[in-house]
Amino acid sequence: MARSVRFYEALGFVLRYGGASAAFTSFSAGNACLNVTTEGSERDWAWWGRVIFYVADVDAQYRQALAAGLQPQAPPRDASWGERYFHLTDPDGHELSFARPLERP
């Protein structure tokens, strides 16, 4: 839990409940919550998914991640589906995308 708390706080998420030594922690994520829980090593996870966080400034979020020593998969880019985004993997292998819709001419 401690490494997850450090990771999400470094990205600017605000701690609402729990913390580094808790079994359950909740962060503010806009008008929603991002919850992190500990699970025993006996549990075998077998799925894939990505959480998309829409942010005001993708490039600023990318710079914040770099300044915190995190390693995004690639620099921000404009996608054919109309978003600027970058991806980052959390300490437990969960994929995160930070995105913003592109301005249409």
PDB file of N, CA and C in Angstrom:
ATOM      1  N   MET A   1       0.819  -1.187   0.000  1.00  0.00           N
ATOM      2  CA  MET A   1       0.000   0.000   0.000  1.00  0.00           C
ATOM      3  C   MET A   1       0.869   1.259   0.000  1.00  0.00           C
ATOM      4  N   ALA A   2       1.967   1.209   0.721  1.00  0.00           N
ATOM      5  CA  ALA A   2       2.821   2.400   0.820  1.00  0.00           C
ATOM      6  C   ALA A   2       3.298   2.859  -0.560  1.00  0.00           C
ATOM      7  N   ARG A   3       3.697   1.933  -1.410  1.00  0.00           N
ATOM      8  CA  ARG A   3       4.186   2.349  -2.734  1.00  0.00           C
ATOM      9  C   ARG A   3       3.049   2.904  -3.583  1.00  0.00           C
ATOM     10  N   SER A   4       1.842   2.382  -3.447  1.00  0.00           N
ATOM     11  CA  SER A   4       0.700   2.918  -4.190  1.00  0.00           C
ATOM     12  C   SER A   4       0.342   4.321  -3.713  1.00  0.00           C
ATOM     13  N   VAL A   5       0.371   4.540  -2.418  1.00  0.00           N
ATOM     14  CA  VAL A   5       0.078   5.875  -1.874  1.00  0.00           C
ATOM     15  C   VAL A   5       1.107   6.873  -2.385  1.00  0.00           C
ATOM     16  N   ARG A   6       2.388   6.513  -2.355  1.00  0.00           N
ATOM     17  CA  ARG A   6       3.427   7.412  -2.878  1.00  0.00           C
ATOM     18  C   ARG A   6       3.196   7.711  -4.364  1.00  0.00           C
ATOM     19  N   PHE A   7       2.875   6.685  -5.138  1.00  0.00           N
ATOM     20  CA  PHE A   7       2.666   6.814  -6.574  1.00  0.00           C
ATOM     21  C   PHE A   7       1.513   7.774  -6.864  1.00  0.00           C
ATOM     22  N   TYR A   8       0.353   7.529  -6.278  1.00  0.00           N
ATOM     23  CA  TYR A   8      -0.823   8.341  -6.591  1.00  0.00           C
ATOM     24  C   TYR A   8      -0.710   9.763  -6.032  1.00  0.00           C
ATOM     25  N   GLU A   9      -0.102   9.926  -4.879  1.00  0.00           N
ATOM     26  CA  GLU A   9       0.115  11.288  -4.369  1.00  0.00           C
ATOM     27  C   GLU A   9       1.089  12.047  -5.266  1.00  0.00           C
ATOM     28  N   ALA A  10       2.099  11.358  -5.802  1.00  0.00           N
ATOM     29  CA  ALA A  10       3.057  12.012  -6.714  1.00  0.00           C
ATOM     30  C   ALA A  10       2.367  12.516  -7.980  1.00  0.00           C
ATOM     31  N   LEU A  11       1.280  11.856  -8.375  1.00  0.00           N
ATOM     32  CA  LEU A  11       0.517  12.288  -9.545  1.00  0.00           C
ATOM     33  C   LEU A  11      -0.502  13.377  -9.211  1.00  0.00           C
ATOM     34  N   GLY A  12      -0.611  13.735  -7.932  1.00  0.00           N
ATOM     35  CA  GLY A  12      -1.510  14.811  -7.532  1.00  0.00           C
ATOM     36  C   GLY A  12      -2.856  14.364  -6.990  1.00  0.00           C
ATOM     37  N   PHE A  13      -3.070  13.065  -6.842  1.00  0.00           N
ATOM     38  CA  PHE A  13      -4.318  12.599  -6.247  1.00  0.00           C
ATOM     39  C   PHE A  13      -4.311  12.942  -4.757  1.00  0.00           C
ATOM     40  N   VAL A  14      -5.447  13.382  -4.240  1.00  0.00           N
ATOM     41  CA  VAL A  14      -5.550  13.798  -2.840  1.00  0.00           C
ATOM     42  C   VAL A  14      -6.102  12.640  -2.005  1.00  0.00           C
ATOM     43  N   LEU A  15      -5.388  12.314  -0.935  1.00  0.00           N
ATOM     44  CA  LEU A  15      -5.787  11.239  -0.035  1.00  0.00           C
ATOM     45  C   LEU A  15      -7.066  11.627   0.702  1.00  0.00           C
ATOM     46  N   ARG A  16      -8.062  10.761   0.648  1.00  0.00           N
ATOM     47  CA  ARG A  16      -9.328  10.992   1.353  1.00  0.00           C
ATOM     48  C   ARG A  16      -9.429  10.136   2.603  1.00  0.00           C
ATOM     49  N   TYR A  17      -8.912   8.903   2.535  1.00  0.00           N
ATOM     50  CA  TYR A  17      -9.077   7.938   3.614  1.00  0.00           C
ATOM     51  C   TYR A  17      -7.964   6.916   3.512  1.00  0.00           C
ATOM     52  N   GLY A  18      -7.518   6.415   4.651  1.00  0.00           N
ATOM     53  CA  GLY A  18      -6.498   5.367   4.662  1.00  0.00           C
ATOM     54  C   GLY A  18      -5.104   5.957   4.694  1.00  0.00           C
ATOM     55  N   GLY A  19      -4.192   5.336   3.974  1.00  0.00           N
ATOM     56  CA  GLY A  19      -2.814   5.800   3.945  1.00  0.00           C
ATOM     57  C   GLY A  19      -1.850   4.656   3.748  1.00  0.00           C
ATOM     58  N   ALA A  20      -0.584   4.954   3.948  1.00  0.00           N
ATOM     59  CA  ALA A  20       0.489   4.010   3.632  1.00  0.00           C
ATOM     60  C   ALA A  20       0.392   2.672   4.365  1.00  0.00           C
ATOM     61  N   SER A  21      -0.143   2.663   5.578  1.00  0.00           N
ATOM     62  CA  SER A  21      -0.208   1.407   6.332  1.00  0.00           C
ATOM     63  C   SER A  21      -1.620   0.816   6.382  1.00  0.00           C
ATOM     64  N   ALA A  22      -2.557   1.393   5.646  1.00  0.00           N
ATOM     65  CA  ALA A  22      -3.942   0.919   5.659  1.00  0.00           C
ATOM     66  C   ALA A  22      -4.139  -0.239   4.679  1.00  0.00           C
ATOM     67  N   ALA A  23      -5.175  -1.016   4.897  1.00  0.00           N
ATOM     68  CA  ALA A  23      -5.535  -2.082   3.962  1.00  0.00           C
ATOM     69  C   ALA A  23      -6.425  -1.545   2.836  1.00  0.00           C
ATOM     70  N   PHE A  24      -7.045  -0.374   3.063  1.00  0.00           N
ATOM     71  CA  PHE A  24      -7.915   0.259   2.072  1.00  0.00           C
ATOM     72  C   PHE A  24      -7.635   1.754   2.081  1.00  0.00           C
ATOM     73  N   THR A  25      -7.443   2.323   0.907  1.00  0.00           N
ATOM     74  CA  THR A  25      -7.147   3.748   0.771  1.00  0.00           C
ATOM     75  C   THR A  25      -7.996   4.323  -0.350  1.00  0.00           C
ATOM     76  N   SER A  26      -8.472   5.545  -0.146  1.00  0.00           N
ATOM     77  CA  SER A  26      -9.290   6.213  -1.149  1.00  0.00           C
ATOM     78  C   SER A  26      -8.688   7.577  -1.458  1.00  0.00           C
ATOM     79  N   PHE A  27      -8.635   7.909  -2.749  1.00  0.00           N
ATOM     80  CA  PHE A  27      -8.141   9.198  -3.228  1.00  0.00           C
ATOM     81  C   PHE A  27      -9.260   9.923  -3.958  1.00  0.00           C
ATOM     82  N   SER A  28      -9.214  11.246  -3.945  1.00  0.00           N
ATOM     83  CA  SER A  28     -10.109  12.032  -4.784  1.00  0.00           C
ATOM     84  C   SER A  28      -9.623  11.942  -6.220  1.00  0.00           C
ATOM     85  N   ALA A  29     -10.564  11.758  -7.136  1.00  0.00           N
ATOM     86  CA  ALA A  29     -10.258  11.692  -8.568  1.00  0.00           C
ATOM     87  C   ALA A  29     -11.333  12.514  -9.272  1.00  0.00           C
ATOM     88  N   GLY A  30     -11.155  13.832  -9.293  1.00  0.00           N
ATOM     89  CA  GLY A  30     -12.188  14.705  -9.834  1.00  0.00           C
ATOM     90  C   GLY A  30     -13.400  14.637  -8.931  1.00  0.00           C
ATOM     91  N   ASN A  31     -14.569  14.355  -9.501  1.00  0.00           N
ATOM     92  CA  ASN A  31     -15.764  14.227  -8.672  1.00  0.00           C
ATOM     93  C   ASN A  31     -16.056  12.763  -8.327  1.00  0.00           C
ATOM     94  N   ALA A  32     -15.054  11.912  -8.457  1.00  0.00           N
ATOM     95  CA  ALA A  32     -15.179  10.488  -8.142  1.00  0.00           C
ATOM     96  C   ALA A  32     -14.063  10.095  -7.169  1.00  0.00           C
ATOM     97  N   CYS A  33     -13.938   8.812  -6.923  1.00  0.00           N
ATOM     98  CA  CYS A  33     -12.894   8.293  -6.033  1.00  0.00           C
ATOM     99  C   CYS A  33     -12.101   7.205  -6.736  1.00  0.00           C
ATOM    100  N   LEU A  34     -10.837   7.114  -6.384  1.00  0.00           N
ATOM    101  CA  LEU A  34      -9.975   6.018  -6.807  1.00  0.00           C
ATOM    102  C   LEU A  34      -9.653   5.245  -5.540  1.00  0.00           C
ATOM    103  N   ASN A  35     -10.065   3.990  -5.476  1.00  0.00           N
ATOM    104  CA  ASN A  35      -9.846   3.170  -4.296  1.00  0.00           C
ATOM    105  C   ASN A  35      -8.756   2.146  -4.549  1.00  0.00           C
ATOM    106  N   VAL A  36      -7.911   1.952  -3.554  1.00  0.00           N
ATOM    107  CA  VAL A  36      -6.821   0.978  -3.618  1.00  0.00           C
ATOM    108  C   VAL A  36      -6.962   0.071  -2.409  1.00  0.00           C
ATOM    109  N   THR A  37      -6.865  -1.226  -2.639  1.00  0.00           N
ATOM    110  CA  THR A  37      -6.984  -2.177  -1.538  1.00  0.00           C
ATOM    111  C   THR A  37      -5.868  -3.207  -1.623  1.00  0.00           C
ATOM    112  N   THR A  38      -5.504  -3.758  -0.492  1.00  0.00           N
ATOM    113  CA  THR A  38      -4.517  -4.835  -0.483  1.00  0.00           C
ATOM    114  C   THR A  38      -5.255  -6.161  -0.610  1.00  0.00           C
ATOM    115  N   GLU A  39      -4.660  -7.088  -1.278  1.00  0.00           N
ATOM    116  CA  GLU A  39      -5.210  -8.431  -1.456  1.00  0.00           C
ATOM    117  C   GLU A  39      -4.087  -9.414  -1.166  1.00  0.00           C
ATOM    118  N   GLY A  40      -4.448 -10.568  -0.684  1.00  0.00           N
ATOM    119  CA  GLY A  40      -3.449 -11.580  -0.390  1.00  0.00           C
ATOM    120  C   GLY A  40      -2.786 -12.116  -1.644  1.00  0.00           C
ATOM    121  N   SER A  41      -1.586 -12.641  -1.495  1.00  0.00           N
ATOM    122  CA  SER A  41      -0.837 -13.170  -2.631  1.00  0.00           C
ATOM    123  C   SER A  41      -1.466 -14.446  -3.185  1.00  0.00           C
ATOM    124  N   GLU A  42      -2.408 -15.037  -2.441  1.00  0.00           N
ATOM    125  CA  GLU A  42      -3.063 -16.255  -2.927  1.00  0.00           C
ATOM    126  C   GLU A  42      -4.065 -15.966  -4.046  1.00  0.00           C
ATOM    127  N   ARG A  43      -4.398 -14.717  -4.257  1.00  0.00           N
ATOM    128  CA  ARG A  43      -5.366 -14.353  -5.297  1.00  0.00           C
ATOM    129  C   ARG A  43      -4.652 -14.205  -6.635  1.00  0.00           C
ATOM    130  N   ASP A  44      -5.173 -14.854  -7.659  1.00  0.00           N
ATOM    131  CA  ASP A  44      -4.579 -14.807  -8.989  1.00  0.00           C
ATOM    132  C   ASP A  44      -5.433 -13.919  -9.887  1.00  0.00           C
ATOM    133  N   TRP A  45      -4.897 -12.757 -10.265  1.00  0.00           N
ATOM    134  CA  TRP A  45      -5.634 -11.813 -11.093  1.00  0.00           C
ATOM    135  C   TRP A  45      -5.409 -12.161 -12.558  1.00  0.00           C
ATOM    136  N   ALA A  46      -6.475 -12.142 -13.331  1.00  0.00           N
ATOM    137  CA  ALA A  46      -6.357 -12.513 -14.736  1.00  0.00           C
ATOM    138  C   ALA A  46      -7.242 -11.624 -15.612  1.00  0.00           C
ATOM    139  N   TRP A  47      -7.063 -10.331 -15.528  1.00  0.00           N
ATOM    140  CA  TRP A  47      -7.802  -9.448 -16.411  1.00  0.00           C
ATOM    141  C   TRP A  47      -6.935  -8.264 -16.770  1.00  0.00           C
ATOM    142  N   TRP A  48      -7.391  -7.516 -17.761  1.00  0.00           N
ATOM    143  CA  TRP A  48      -6.684  -6.325 -18.185  1.00  0.00           C
ATOM    144  C   TRP A  48      -7.685  -5.187 -18.251  1.00  0.00           C
ATOM    145  N   GLY A  49      -7.221  -4.022 -17.976  1.00  0.00           N
ATOM    146  CA  GLY A  49      -8.078  -2.851 -18.092  1.00  0.00           C
ATOM    147  C   GLY A  49      -7.236  -1.596 -17.987  1.00  0.00           C
ATOM    148  N   ARG A  50      -7.849  -0.488 -18.336  1.00  0.00           N
ATOM    149  CA  ARG A  50      -7.156   0.798 -18.243  1.00  0.00           C
ATOM    150  C   ARG A  50      -8.156   1.816 -17.714  1.00  0.00           C
ATOM    151  N   VAL A  51      -7.732   2.594 -16.760  1.00  0.00           N
ATOM    152  CA  VAL A  51      -8.545   3.688 -16.242  1.00  0.00           C
ATOM    153  C   VAL A  51      -8.105   4.954 -16.956  1.00  0.00           C
ATOM    154  N   ILE A  52      -9.078   5.726 -17.435  1.00  0.00           N
ATOM    155  CA  ILE A  52      -8.770   6.975 -18.128  1.00  0.00           C
ATOM    156  C   ILE A  52      -9.162   8.141 -17.229  1.00  0.00           C
ATOM    157  N   PHE A  53      -8.198   8.994 -16.945  1.00  0.00           N
ATOM    158  CA  PHE A  53      -8.437  10.211 -16.171  1.00  0.00           C
ATOM    159  C   PHE A  53      -8.358  11.391 -17.124  1.00  0.00           C
ATOM    160  N   TYR A  54      -9.438  12.144 -17.223  1.00  0.00           N
ATOM    161  CA  TYR A  54      -9.420  13.349 -18.046  1.00  0.00           C
ATOM    162  C   TYR A  54      -8.872  14.492 -17.203  1.00  0.00           C
ATOM    163  N   VAL A  55      -7.842  15.151 -17.726  1.00  0.00           N
ATOM    164  CA  VAL A  55      -7.154  16.223 -17.016  1.00  0.00           C
ATOM    165  C   VAL A  55      -7.176  17.490 -17.863  1.00  0.00           C
ATOM    166  N   ALA A  56      -6.973  18.626 -17.208  1.00  0.00           N
ATOM    167  CA  ALA A  56      -6.998  19.910 -17.908  1.00  0.00           C
ATOM    168  C   ALA A  56      -5.804  20.070 -18.838  1.00  0.00           C
ATOM    169  N   ASP A  57      -4.641  19.538 -18.446  1.00  0.00           N
ATOM    170  CA  ASP A  57      -3.415  19.725 -19.222  1.00  0.00           C
ATOM    171  C   ASP A  57      -2.602  18.434 -19.211  1.00  0.00           C
ATOM    172  N   VAL A  58      -2.690  17.684 -20.281  1.00  0.00           N
ATOM    173  CA  VAL A  58      -1.994  16.391 -20.389  1.00  0.00           C
ATOM    174  C   VAL A  58      -0.480  16.575 -20.277  1.00  0.00           C
ATOM    175  N   ASP A  59       0.048  17.600 -20.932  1.00  0.00           N
ATOM    176  CA  ASP A  59       1.500  17.800 -20.913  1.00  0.00           C
ATOM    177  C   ASP A  59       1.999  18.169 -19.524  1.00  0.00           C
ATOM    178  N   ALA A  60       1.230  18.968 -18.782  1.00  0.00           N
ATOM    179  CA  ALA A  60       1.606  19.304 -17.403  1.00  0.00           C
ATOM    180  C   ALA A  60       1.562  18.062 -16.517  1.00  0.00           C
ATOM    181  N   GLN A  61       0.563  17.195 -16.711  1.00  0.00           N
ATOM    182  CA  GLN A  61       0.473  15.957 -15.934  1.00  0.00           C
ATOM    183  C   GLN A  61       1.660  15.052 -16.247  1.00  0.00           C
ATOM    184  N   TYR A  62       2.068  15.010 -17.507  1.00  0.00           N
ATOM    185  CA  TYR A  62       3.232  14.227 -17.917  1.00  0.00           C
ATOM    186  C   TYR A  62       4.502  14.765 -17.239  1.00  0.00           C
ATOM    187  N   ARG A  63       4.677  16.083 -17.252  1.00  0.00           N
ATOM    188  CA  ARG A  63       5.853  16.676 -16.600  1.00  0.00           C
ATOM    189  C   ARG A  63       5.857  16.393 -15.100  1.00  0.00           C
ATOM    190  N   GLN A  64       4.686  16.423 -14.468  1.00  0.00           N
ATOM    191  CA  GLN A  64       4.587  16.109 -13.047  1.00  0.00           C
ATOM    192  C   GLN A  64       5.002  14.671 -12.786  1.00  0.00           C
ATOM    193  N   ALA A  65       4.573  13.754 -13.642  1.00  0.00           N
ATOM    194  CA  ALA A  65       4.956  12.346 -13.489  1.00  0.00           C
ATOM    195  C   ALA A  65       6.472  12.188 -13.611  1.00  0.00           C
ATOM    196  N   LEU A  66       7.069  12.827 -14.615  1.00  0.00           N
ATOM    197  CA  LEU A  66       8.528  12.748 -14.790  1.00  0.00           C
ATOM    198  C   LEU A  66       9.261  13.337 -13.602  1.00  0.00           C
ATOM    199  N   ALA A  67       8.792  14.494 -13.116  1.00  0.00           N
ATOM    200  CA  ALA A  67       9.445  15.161 -11.978  1.00  0.00           C
ATOM    201  C   ALA A  67       9.387  14.300 -10.721  1.00  0.00           C
ATOM    202  N   ALA A  68       8.363  13.449 -10.621  1.00  0.00           N
ATOM    203  CA  ALA A  68       8.228  12.553  -9.471  1.00  0.00           C
ATOM    204  C   ALA A  68       9.030  11.265  -9.649  1.00  0.00           C
ATOM    205  N   GLY A  69       9.743  11.143 -10.769  1.00  0.00           N
ATOM    206  CA  GLY A  69      10.552   9.951 -11.014  1.00  0.00           C
ATOM    207  C   GLY A  69       9.767   8.792 -11.602  1.00  0.00           C
ATOM    208  N   LEU A  70       8.546   9.050 -12.061  1.00  0.00           N
ATOM    209  CA  LEU A  70       7.734   7.992 -12.665  1.00  0.00           C
ATOM    210  C   LEU A  70       8.101   7.845 -14.131  1.00  0.00           C
ATOM    211  N   GLN A  71       7.753   6.708 -14.726  1.00  0.00           N
ATOM    212  CA  GLN A  71       8.169   6.414 -16.091  1.00  0.00           C
ATOM    213  C   GLN A  71       6.973   6.126 -16.993  1.00  0.00           C
ATOM    214  N   PRO A  72       6.364   7.171 -17.581  1.00  0.00           N
ATOM    215  CA  PRO A  72       5.290   6.938 -18.543  1.00  0.00           C
ATOM    216  C   PRO A  72       5.796   6.093 -19.709  1.00  0.00           C
ATOM    217  N   GLN A  73       4.869   5.430 -20.396  1.00  0.00           N
ATOM    218  CA  GLN A  73       5.234   4.556 -21.514  1.00  0.00           C
ATOM    219  C   GLN A  73       5.800   5.334 -22.696  1.00  0.00           C
ATOM    220  N   ALA A  74       5.315   6.555 -22.900  1.00  0.00           N
ATOM    221  CA  ALA A  74       5.776   7.403 -24.012  1.00  0.00           C
ATOM    222  C   ALA A  74       5.303   8.824 -23.739  1.00  0.00           C
ATOM    223  N   PRO A  75       5.894   9.805 -24.399  1.00  0.00           N
ATOM    224  CA  PRO A  75       5.435  11.188 -24.230  1.00  0.00           C
ATOM    225  C   PRO A  75       3.998  11.355 -24.734  1.00  0.00           C
ATOM    226  N   PRO A  76       3.320  12.428 -24.306  1.00  0.00           N
ATOM    227  CA  PRO A  76       1.955  12.681 -24.789  1.00  0.00           C
ATOM    228  C   PRO A  76       1.916  12.785 -26.309  1.00  0.00           C
ATOM    229  N   ARG A  77       0.782  12.344 -26.872  1.00  0.00           N
ATOM    230  CA  ARG A  77       0.609  12.448 -28.317  1.00  0.00           C
ATOM    231  C   ARG A  77      -0.865  12.639 -28.631  1.00  0.00           C
ATOM    232  N   ASP A  78      -1.121  13.125 -29.824  1.00  0.00           N
ATOM    233  CA  ASP A  78      -2.480  13.303 -30.312  1.00  0.00           C
ATOM    234  C   ASP A  78      -2.915  12.018 -31.008  1.00  0.00           C
ATOM    235  N   ALA A  79      -4.061  11.503 -30.614  1.00  0.00           N
ATOM    236  CA  ALA A  79      -4.564  10.244 -31.168  1.00  0.00           C
ATOM    237  C   ALA A  79      -5.589  10.491 -32.266  1.00  0.00           C
ATOM    238  N   SER A  80      -5.720   9.530 -33.160  1.00  0.00           N
ATOM    239  CA  SER A  80      -6.661   9.636 -34.270  1.00  0.00           C
ATOM    240  C   SER A  80      -8.109   9.702 -33.786  1.00  0.00           C
ATOM    241  N   TRP A  81      -8.393   9.227 -32.566  1.00  0.00           N
ATOM    242  CA  TRP A  81      -9.762   9.248 -32.041  1.00  0.00           C
ATOM    243  C   TRP A  81     -10.105  10.568 -31.354  1.00  0.00           C
ATOM    244  N   GLY A  82      -9.181  11.564 -31.418  1.00  0.00           N
ATOM    245  CA  GLY A  82      -9.515  12.908 -30.957  1.00  0.00           C
ATOM    246  C   GLY A  82      -9.139  13.245 -29.531  1.00  0.00           C
ATOM    247  N   GLU A  83      -8.118  12.591 -28.997  1.00  0.00           N
ATOM    248  CA  GLU A  83      -7.636  12.905 -27.649  1.00  0.00           C
ATOM    249  C   GLU A  83      -6.127  13.073 -27.657  1.00  0.00           C
ATOM    250  N   ARG A  84      -5.633  13.892 -26.756  1.00  0.00           N
ATOM    251  CA  ARG A  84      -4.206  13.944 -26.435  1.00  0.00           C
ATOM    252  C   ARG A  84      -4.066  13.115 -25.167  1.00  0.00           C
ATOM    253  N   TYR A  85      -3.058  12.236 -25.114  1.00  0.00           N
ATOM    254  CA  TYR A  85      -2.967  11.313 -23.979  1.00  0.00           C
ATOM    255  C   TYR A  85      -1.545  10.808 -23.770  1.00  0.00           C
ATOM    256  N   PHE A  86      -1.332  10.209 -22.598  1.00  0.00           N
ATOM    257  CA  PHE A  86      -0.165   9.360 -22.345  1.00  0.00           C
ATOM    258  C   PHE A  86      -0.586   8.275 -21.366  1.00  0.00           C
ATOM    259  N   HIS A  87       0.152   7.168 -21.363  1.00  0.00           N
ATOM    260  CA  HIS A  87      -0.143   6.034 -20.487  1.00  0.00           C
ATOM    261  C   HIS A  87       0.965   5.877 -19.445  1.00  0.00           C
ATOM    262  N   LEU A  88       0.557   5.340 -18.315  1.00  0.00           N
ATOM    263  CA  LEU A  88       1.456   5.101 -17.192  1.00  0.00           C
ATOM    264  C   LEU A  88       0.951   3.852 -16.479  1.00  0.00           C
ATOM    265  N   THR A  89       1.845   3.031 -15.969  1.00  0.00           N
ATOM    266  CA  THR A  89       1.462   1.831 -15.220  1.00  0.00           C
ATOM    267  C   THR A  89       1.770   2.039 -13.753  1.00  0.00           C
ATOM    268  N   ASP A  90       0.803   1.732 -12.880  1.00  0.00           N
ATOM    269  CA  ASP A  90       1.019   1.922 -11.446  1.00  0.00           C
ATOM    270  C   ASP A  90       1.887   0.788 -10.897  1.00  0.00           C
ATOM    271  N   PRO A  91       2.304   0.866  -9.632  1.00  0.00           N
ATOM    272  CA  PRO A  91       3.223  -0.134  -9.073  1.00  0.00           C
ATOM    273  C   PRO A  91       2.699  -1.567  -9.110  1.00  0.00           C
ATOM    274  N   ASP A  92       1.383  -1.743  -9.229  1.00  0.00           N
ATOM    275  CA  ASP A  92       0.816  -3.090  -9.257  1.00  0.00           C
ATOM    276  C   ASP A  92       0.419  -3.545 -10.653  1.00  0.00           C
ATOM    277  N   GLY A  93       0.820  -2.780 -11.679  1.00  0.00           N
ATOM    278  CA  GLY A  93       0.583  -3.190 -13.051  1.00  0.00           C
ATOM    279  C   GLY A  93      -0.709  -2.696 -13.674  1.00  0.00           C
ATOM    280  N   HIS A  94      -1.447  -1.820 -12.992  1.00  0.00           N
ATOM    281  CA  HIS A  94      -2.685  -1.272 -13.536  1.00  0.00           C
ATOM    282  C   HIS A  94      -2.353  -0.134 -14.490  1.00  0.00           C
ATOM    283  N   GLU A  95      -2.953  -0.163 -15.667  1.00  0.00           N
ATOM    284  CA  GLU A  95      -2.665   0.860 -16.674  1.00  0.00           C
ATOM    285  C   GLU A  95      -3.563   2.075 -16.482  1.00  0.00           C
ATOM    286  N   LEU A  96      -2.938   3.240 -16.535  1.00  0.00           N
ATOM    287  CA  LEU A  96      -3.635   4.514 -16.410  1.00  0.00           C
ATOM    288  C   LEU A  96      -3.407   5.310 -17.677  1.00  0.00           C
ATOM    289  N   SER A  97      -4.424   6.037 -18.098  1.00  0.00           N
ATOM    290  CA  SER A  97      -4.294   6.941 -19.225  1.00  0.00           C
ATOM    291  C   SER A  97      -4.720   8.320 -18.745  1.00  0.00           C
ATOM    292  N   PHE A  98      -3.924   9.321 -19.054  1.00  0.00           N
ATOM    293  CA  PHE A  98      -4.264  10.711 -18.754  1.00  0.00           C
ATOM    294  C   PHE A  98      -4.542  11.362 -20.094  1.00  0.00           C
ATOM    295  N   ALA A  99      -5.741  11.909 -20.247  1.00  0.00           N
ATOM    296  CA  ALA A  99      -6.183  12.363 -21.558  1.00  0.00           C
ATOM    297  C   ALA A  99      -6.970  13.667 -21.485  1.00  0.00           C
ATOM    298  N   ARG A 100      -7.122  14.267 -22.656  1.00  0.00           N
ATOM    299  CA  ARG A 100      -7.959  15.443 -22.843  1.00  0.00           C
ATOM    300  C   ARG A 100      -8.437  15.452 -24.290  1.00  0.00           C
ATOM    301  N   PRO A 101      -9.740  15.704 -24.485  1.00  0.00           N
ATOM    302  CA  PRO A 101     -10.221  15.806 -25.874  1.00  0.00           C
ATOM    303  C   PRO A 101      -9.499  16.922 -26.610  1.00  0.00           C
ATOM    304  N   LEU A 102      -9.188  16.676 -27.874  1.00  0.00           N
ATOM    305  CA  LEU A 102      -8.555  17.696 -28.708  1.00  0.00           C
ATOM    306  C   LEU A 102      -9.584  18.724 -29.139  1.00  0.00           C
ATOM    307  N   GLU A 103      -9.132  19.949 -29.292  1.00  0.00           N
ATOM    308  CA  GLU A 103      -9.993  21.013 -29.807  1.00  0.00           C
ATOM    309  C   GLU A 103     -10.284  20.713 -31.264  1.00  0.00           C
ATOM    310  N   ARG A 104     -11.504  20.831 -31.653  1.00  0.00           N
ATOM    311  CA  ARG A 104     -11.892  20.620 -33.051  1.00  0.00           C
ATOM    312  C   ARG A 104     -11.911  21.978 -33.755  1.00  0.00           C
ATOM    313  N   PRO A 105     -11.374  22.042 -34.975  1.00  0.00           N
ATOM    314  CA  PRO A 105     -11.372  23.327 -35.709  1.00  0.00           C
ATOM    315  C   PRO A 105     -12.764  23.769 -36.105  1.00  0.00           C
TER     316      PRO A 105
END
